[in-house]
Structures are given as structure tokens and as C-alpha cells.
Amino acid sequence: MLSKGIRGAITVEENTESSIKDATLELLTQLVELNKIEENKISHVFFTLTEDLNAAFPAKFARLDFGWKKAAMMCHHELNVPNSLPKCLRVLIVVNCEDDFEPQFVYLKGAAKLRG
């Protein structure tokens, strides 16, 4: 068994707890469904937010709404690169998996252009 990372990103409407929660849950829902993620397979999760988003910790919503109580999670600020995408929440979910697992990445709303 090995570990692989599953990436995703979404833009957030505004810097409020409810907007960050909505974006977090939308992104995680798609990632979980597409990759059939089970909490017991999660090694760890990194969330990053651009500096214009600081009203809430996305990991809080993963714990409360997805029940990820045993997964190690951290929230960080994304590197502030000039002219980069504003109001962007990114996630890297590292899962323990079989060799043949092919992660499916998800980029939603304005973050879709990150993979364009």
C-alpha cells in the first residue's frame, strides 16, 4: 500500500465563515464522491487559503460536517504570488491506497482556470 495526494481548489464568494464553509463542503463533497474517499484511508489533509480569506478554518468543517475526527489536518495561507487567483481555497488530501488508484482532481468555480 502507498499514499497518493488528491488535489482540489475552489474560489470563495466572500471572506465570511459561511462562504468558506459552503466552498469547503462543496469541494470536499465532489472530491469524496469522485474518489470514494473513506476517513480511515486518509493520512492527512492540508488546506490553504489565499491571504484575503481568514474568516474560518476549512478543517473545522471537514471535522464537523464530514466527521473526519481522526484525520490529521492543517490550514495554511497560500503563497502570495502577484496576480494570482484571489479568494481561493485549495486542498491536498493524502490517502493510503492501492497501487492502481488514480486520483481525480477537482477544480471548481474560478479555480477551474488553474487547470485550464
N, C-alpha and C. Protein backbone atom coordinates (compact mmCIF):
# COMPACT_ATOMS: atom_id res chain seq x y z
N MET A 1 0.85 -1.18 0.00
CA MET A 1 0.00 0.00 0.00
C MET A 1 0.89 1.24 0.00
N LEU A 2 0.43 2.28 -0.69
CA LEU A 2 1.18 3.53 -0.71
C LEU A 2 0.24 4.69 -0.51
N SER A 3 0.78 5.90 -0.50
CA SER A 3 -0.02 7.10 -0.32
C SER A 3 0.00 7.92 -1.59
N LYS A 4 -1.14 8.53 -1.90
CA LYS A 4 -1.25 9.43 -3.05
C LYS A 4 -2.04 10.66 -2.64
N GLY A 5 -1.73 11.78 -3.28
CA GLY A 5 -2.41 13.03 -2.99
C GLY A 5 -3.54 13.31 -3.97
N ILE A 6 -4.62 13.83 -3.44
CA ILE A 6 -5.76 14.23 -4.24
C ILE A 6 -5.92 15.74 -4.07
N ARG A 7 -5.81 16.48 -5.18
CA ARG A 7 -5.85 17.93 -5.11
C ARG A 7 -7.21 18.48 -5.52
N GLY A 8 -7.51 19.64 -4.98
CA GLY A 8 -8.71 20.34 -5.38
C GLY A 8 -8.61 21.81 -5.02
N ALA A 9 -9.44 22.62 -5.67
CA ALA A 9 -9.48 24.05 -5.37
C ALA A 9 -10.84 24.61 -5.77
N ILE A 10 -11.20 25.70 -5.11
CA ILE A 10 -12.46 26.39 -5.38
C ILE A 10 -12.28 27.85 -4.99
N THR A 11 -12.94 28.73 -5.70
CA THR A 11 -12.95 30.12 -5.27
C THR A 11 -14.12 30.31 -4.31
N VAL A 12 -13.94 31.26 -3.40
CA VAL A 12 -14.90 31.53 -2.33
C VAL A 12 -15.54 32.90 -2.61
N GLU A 13 -16.85 32.98 -2.44
CA GLU A 13 -17.58 34.20 -2.76
C GLU A 13 -17.09 35.42 -1.96
N GLU A 14 -16.98 35.25 -0.64
CA GLU A 14 -16.55 36.37 0.20
C GLU A 14 -15.87 35.84 1.46
N ASN A 15 -15.18 36.72 2.14
CA ASN A 15 -14.44 36.33 3.34
C ASN A 15 -15.35 36.31 4.56
N THR A 16 -16.23 35.31 4.59
CA THR A 16 -17.11 35.10 5.74
C THR A 16 -17.05 33.62 6.11
N GLU A 17 -17.38 33.32 7.35
CA GLU A 17 -17.39 31.92 7.78
C GLU A 17 -18.35 31.10 6.92
N SER A 18 -19.52 31.63 6.64
CA SER A 18 -20.50 30.86 5.87
C SER A 18 -20.03 30.61 4.43
N SER A 19 -19.38 31.57 3.81
CA SER A 19 -18.88 31.38 2.44
C SER A 19 -17.75 30.37 2.40
N ILE A 20 -16.86 30.42 3.39
CA ILE A 20 -15.76 29.46 3.45
C ILE A 20 -16.31 28.06 3.74
N LYS A 21 -17.30 27.98 4.61
CA LYS A 21 -17.93 26.68 4.89
C LYS A 21 -18.58 26.12 3.63
N ASP A 22 -19.38 26.93 2.95
CA ASP A 22 -20.06 26.47 1.74
C ASP A 22 -19.06 25.97 0.69
N ALA A 23 -17.99 26.73 0.47
CA ALA A 23 -16.99 26.34 -0.52
C ALA A 23 -16.26 25.07 -0.10
N THR A 24 -15.92 24.96 1.17
CA THR A 24 -15.23 23.78 1.68
C THR A 24 -16.09 22.53 1.48
N LEU A 25 -17.35 22.63 1.85
CA LEU A 25 -18.24 21.47 1.74
C LEU A 25 -18.52 21.10 0.29
N GLU A 26 -18.66 22.09 -0.57
CA GLU A 26 -18.87 21.80 -2.00
C GLU A 26 -17.66 21.08 -2.59
N LEU A 27 -16.48 21.58 -2.29
CA LEU A 27 -15.25 20.97 -2.80
C LEU A 27 -15.04 19.57 -2.24
N LEU A 28 -15.16 19.42 -0.93
CA LEU A 28 -14.95 18.10 -0.32
C LEU A 28 -15.99 17.08 -0.78
N THR A 29 -17.23 17.51 -0.95
CA THR A 29 -18.28 16.60 -1.42
C THR A 29 -17.90 16.01 -2.77
N GLN A 30 -17.46 16.85 -3.68
CA GLN A 30 -17.10 16.36 -5.01
C GLN A 30 -15.86 15.46 -4.94
N LEU A 31 -14.87 15.84 -4.16
CA LEU A 31 -13.66 15.02 -4.04
C LEU A 31 -13.97 13.66 -3.44
N VAL A 32 -14.78 13.64 -2.38
CA VAL A 32 -15.13 12.38 -1.71
C VAL A 32 -15.91 11.47 -2.65
N GLU A 33 -16.90 12.02 -3.34
CA GLU A 33 -17.72 11.21 -4.24
C GLU A 33 -16.90 10.68 -5.42
N LEU A 34 -16.12 11.55 -6.03
CA LEU A 34 -15.36 11.16 -7.22
C LEU A 34 -14.27 10.13 -6.91
N ASN A 35 -13.65 10.26 -5.72
CA ASN A 35 -12.53 9.40 -5.35
C ASN A 35 -12.90 8.32 -4.34
N LYS A 36 -14.17 8.29 -3.93
CA LYS A 36 -14.65 7.31 -2.95
C LYS A 36 -13.76 7.30 -1.69
N ILE A 37 -13.52 8.50 -1.18
CA ILE A 37 -12.65 8.67 -0.01
C ILE A 37 -13.36 8.21 1.26
N GLU A 38 -12.68 7.39 2.04
CA GLU A 38 -13.15 6.95 3.34
C GLU A 38 -12.18 7.51 4.39
N GLU A 39 -12.73 7.99 5.51
CA GLU A 39 -11.87 8.63 6.51
C GLU A 39 -10.73 7.72 6.96
N ASN A 40 -10.98 6.43 7.10
CA ASN A 40 -9.94 5.53 7.60
C ASN A 40 -8.79 5.37 6.61
N LYS A 41 -8.95 5.86 5.38
CA LYS A 41 -7.87 5.81 4.38
C LYS A 41 -7.09 7.12 4.31
N ILE A 42 -7.57 8.16 5.01
CA ILE A 42 -6.92 9.47 4.95
C ILE A 42 -5.69 9.48 5.86
N SER A 43 -4.55 9.82 5.28
CA SER A 43 -3.33 10.00 6.06
C SER A 43 -3.32 11.39 6.69
N HIS A 44 -3.52 12.43 5.85
CA HIS A 44 -3.56 13.79 6.34
C HIS A 44 -4.13 14.71 5.26
N VAL A 45 -4.52 15.92 5.70
CA VAL A 45 -5.14 16.88 4.79
C VAL A 45 -4.53 18.25 5.04
N PHE A 46 -4.15 18.91 3.94
CA PHE A 46 -3.67 20.30 4.01
C PHE A 46 -4.68 21.19 3.29
N PHE A 47 -5.11 22.23 3.96
CA PHE A 47 -5.93 23.27 3.35
C PHE A 47 -5.08 24.52 3.24
N THR A 48 -5.18 25.23 2.13
CA THR A 48 -4.58 26.56 2.04
C THR A 48 -5.65 27.54 1.59
N LEU A 49 -5.50 28.76 2.06
CA LEU A 49 -6.37 29.85 1.66
C LEU A 49 -5.50 31.03 1.25
N THR A 50 -5.94 31.77 0.26
CA THR A 50 -5.23 32.98 -0.09
C THR A 50 -5.37 33.96 1.06
N GLU A 51 -4.49 34.96 1.12
CA GLU A 51 -4.44 35.87 2.27
C GLU A 51 -5.72 36.68 2.45
N ASP A 52 -6.55 36.76 1.43
CA ASP A 52 -7.81 37.51 1.55
C ASP A 52 -8.93 36.67 2.17
N LEU A 53 -8.61 35.44 2.58
CA LEU A 53 -9.58 34.57 3.26
C LEU A 53 -9.03 34.18 4.63
N ASN A 54 -9.67 34.68 5.68
CA ASN A 54 -9.21 34.35 7.03
C ASN A 54 -10.35 34.29 8.05
N ALA A 55 -11.58 34.17 7.57
CA ALA A 55 -12.74 34.20 8.48
C ALA A 55 -13.03 32.85 9.14
N ALA A 56 -12.42 31.76 8.64
CA ALA A 56 -12.69 30.44 9.23
C ALA A 56 -11.63 29.44 8.79
N PHE A 57 -11.52 28.37 9.57
CA PHE A 57 -10.62 27.26 9.23
C PHE A 57 -11.41 26.20 8.46
N PRO A 58 -11.03 25.88 7.22
CA PRO A 58 -11.74 24.83 6.49
C PRO A 58 -11.72 23.48 7.19
N ALA A 59 -10.68 23.17 7.92
CA ALA A 59 -10.59 21.88 8.61
C ALA A 59 -11.74 21.71 9.61
N LYS A 60 -12.21 22.79 10.17
CA LYS A 60 -13.34 22.75 11.11
C LYS A 60 -14.55 22.10 10.45
N PHE A 61 -14.82 22.44 9.20
CA PHE A 61 -16.00 21.94 8.51
C PHE A 61 -15.80 20.49 8.07
N ALA A 62 -14.56 20.11 7.78
CA ALA A 62 -14.28 18.70 7.48
C ALA A 62 -14.55 17.85 8.72
N ARG A 63 -14.16 18.36 9.88
CA ARG A 63 -14.39 17.63 11.12
C ARG A 63 -15.88 17.56 11.48
N LEU A 64 -16.54 18.72 11.43
CA LEU A 64 -17.94 18.79 11.87
C LEU A 64 -18.91 18.18 10.87
N ASP A 65 -18.75 18.50 9.60
CA ASP A 65 -19.74 18.10 8.60
C ASP A 65 -19.43 16.78 7.92
N PHE A 66 -18.15 16.40 7.85
CA PHE A 66 -17.79 15.12 7.25
C PHE A 66 -17.41 14.09 8.30
N GLY A 67 -17.28 14.51 9.55
CA GLY A 67 -16.95 13.58 10.61
C GLY A 67 -15.51 13.12 10.60
N TRP A 68 -14.65 13.88 9.94
CA TRP A 68 -13.23 13.50 9.87
C TRP A 68 -12.56 13.88 11.19
N LYS A 69 -12.79 13.11 12.20
CA LYS A 69 -12.28 13.43 13.54
C LYS A 69 -10.91 12.83 13.82
N LYS A 70 -10.50 11.82 13.05
CA LYS A 70 -9.22 11.17 13.29
C LYS A 70 -8.15 11.60 12.29
N ALA A 71 -8.54 12.22 11.21
CA ALA A 71 -7.58 12.64 10.18
C ALA A 71 -6.80 13.86 10.66
N ALA A 72 -5.49 13.85 10.46
CA ALA A 72 -4.66 15.00 10.78
C ALA A 72 -4.87 16.07 9.71
N MET A 73 -5.21 17.28 10.14
CA MET A 73 -5.48 18.37 9.19
C MET A 73 -4.79 19.65 9.64
N MET A 74 -4.35 20.42 8.65
CA MET A 74 -3.73 21.72 8.91
C MET A 74 -4.27 22.74 7.91
N CYS A 75 -4.36 23.99 8.36
CA CYS A 75 -4.77 25.09 7.49
C CYS A 75 -3.61 26.08 7.42
N HIS A 76 -3.34 26.57 6.20
CA HIS A 76 -2.22 27.48 5.96
C HIS A 76 -2.65 28.58 4.99
N HIS A 77 -1.84 29.64 4.95
CA HIS A 77 -2.02 30.64 3.90
C HIS A 77 -1.23 30.22 2.68
N GLU A 78 -1.82 30.43 1.52
CA GLU A 78 -1.18 30.18 0.24
C GLU A 78 -0.12 31.26 0.00
N LEU A 79 0.93 30.92 -0.70
CA LEU A 79 1.96 31.89 -1.07
C LEU A 79 1.32 33.04 -1.82
N ASN A 80 1.64 34.27 -1.45
CA ASN A 80 1.03 35.46 -2.04
C ASN A 80 1.79 35.88 -3.30
N VAL A 81 1.53 35.19 -4.39
CA VAL A 81 2.18 35.48 -5.67
C VAL A 81 1.42 36.61 -6.36
N PRO A 82 2.12 37.65 -6.87
CA PRO A 82 1.43 38.73 -7.57
C PRO A 82 0.57 38.20 -8.72
N ASN A 83 -0.62 38.77 -8.85
CA ASN A 83 -1.58 38.45 -9.92
C ASN A 83 -2.12 37.01 -9.86
N SER A 84 -1.99 36.36 -8.71
CA SER A 84 -2.54 35.01 -8.59
C SER A 84 -4.04 35.09 -8.31
N LEU A 85 -4.70 33.96 -8.41
CA LEU A 85 -6.15 33.88 -8.24
C LEU A 85 -6.55 34.29 -6.82
N PRO A 86 -7.41 35.30 -6.67
CA PRO A 86 -7.84 35.71 -5.32
C PRO A 86 -8.94 34.80 -4.78
N LYS A 87 -9.16 34.90 -3.48
CA LYS A 87 -10.22 34.18 -2.77
C LYS A 87 -10.27 32.70 -3.16
N CYS A 88 -9.12 32.06 -3.07
CA CYS A 88 -9.02 30.66 -3.48
C CYS A 88 -8.70 29.76 -2.29
N LEU A 89 -9.48 28.70 -2.16
CA LEU A 89 -9.26 27.67 -1.15
C LEU A 89 -8.77 26.43 -1.88
N ARG A 90 -7.64 25.89 -1.43
CA ARG A 90 -7.07 24.69 -2.03
C ARG A 90 -7.00 23.60 -0.97
N VAL A 91 -7.01 22.35 -1.43
CA VAL A 91 -6.89 21.23 -0.51
C VAL A 91 -6.01 20.16 -1.14
N LEU A 92 -5.25 19.49 -0.30
CA LEU A 92 -4.49 18.30 -0.67
C LEU A 92 -4.86 17.24 0.36
N ILE A 93 -5.55 16.20 -0.12
CA ILE A 93 -5.93 15.08 0.74
C ILE A 93 -4.99 13.93 0.41
N VAL A 94 -4.23 13.48 1.38
CA VAL A 94 -3.31 12.36 1.17
C VAL A 94 -3.97 11.10 1.71
N VAL A 95 -4.15 10.12 0.82
CA VAL A 95 -4.83 8.88 1.19
C VAL A 95 -3.90 7.68 1.04
N ASN A 96 -4.10 6.71 1.90
CA ASN A 96 -3.43 5.42 1.77
C ASN A 96 -4.26 4.60 0.80
N CYS A 97 -3.61 4.04 -0.22
CA CYS A 97 -4.38 3.41 -1.30
C CYS A 97 -3.58 2.29 -1.96
N GLU A 98 -4.25 1.61 -2.86
CA GLU A 98 -3.60 0.57 -3.66
C GLU A 98 -2.82 1.22 -4.79
N ASP A 99 -1.88 0.48 -5.35
CA ASP A 99 -1.04 1.00 -6.43
C ASP A 99 -1.82 1.50 -7.62
N ASP A 100 -2.95 0.88 -7.93
CA ASP A 100 -3.68 1.23 -9.15
C ASP A 100 -4.68 2.37 -8.97
N PHE A 101 -4.76 2.97 -7.77
CA PHE A 101 -5.67 4.09 -7.55
C PHE A 101 -5.18 5.31 -8.33
N GLU A 102 -6.08 5.89 -9.13
CA GLU A 102 -5.77 7.10 -9.89
C GLU A 102 -6.59 8.25 -9.34
N PRO A 103 -5.95 9.18 -8.62
CA PRO A 103 -6.69 10.30 -8.03
C PRO A 103 -7.36 11.16 -9.10
N GLN A 104 -8.57 11.60 -8.78
CA GLN A 104 -9.30 12.52 -9.65
C GLN A 104 -9.33 13.88 -8.96
N PHE A 105 -8.75 14.87 -9.60
CA PHE A 105 -8.68 16.21 -9.02
C PHE A 105 -9.94 17.00 -9.37
N VAL A 106 -10.27 17.99 -8.53
CA VAL A 106 -11.48 18.79 -8.72
C VAL A 106 -11.11 20.27 -8.59
N TYR A 107 -11.47 21.04 -9.61
CA TYR A 107 -11.25 22.49 -9.61
C TYR A 107 -12.58 23.16 -9.96
N LEU A 108 -13.14 23.92 -9.02
CA LEU A 108 -14.48 24.46 -9.17
C LEU A 108 -14.49 25.98 -9.23
N LYS A 109 -15.53 26.49 -9.85
CA LYS A 109 -15.77 27.93 -9.98
C LYS A 109 -14.55 28.59 -10.63
N GLY A 110 -14.08 29.70 -10.09
CA GLY A 110 -12.96 30.41 -10.69
C GLY A 110 -11.66 29.61 -10.68
N ALA A 111 -11.57 28.61 -9.80
CA ALA A 111 -10.35 27.79 -9.71
C ALA A 111 -10.21 26.84 -10.90
N ALA A 112 -11.26 26.70 -11.69
CA ALA A 112 -11.17 25.82 -12.87
C ALA A 112 -10.06 26.28 -13.82
N LYS A 113 -9.79 27.58 -13.83
CA LYS A 113 -8.74 28.07 -14.74
C LYS A 113 -7.34 27.70 -14.27
N LEU A 114 -7.20 27.21 -13.05
CA LEU A 114 -5.90 26.75 -12.58
C LEU A 114 -5.45 25.49 -13.34
N ARG A 115 -6.39 24.75 -13.86
CA ARG A 115 -6.08 23.51 -14.61
C ARG A 115 -6.36 23.66 -16.08
N GLY A 116 -6.72 24.86 -16.54
CA GLY A 116 -7.12 25.10 -17.93
C GLY A 116 -6.08 24.99 -18.95
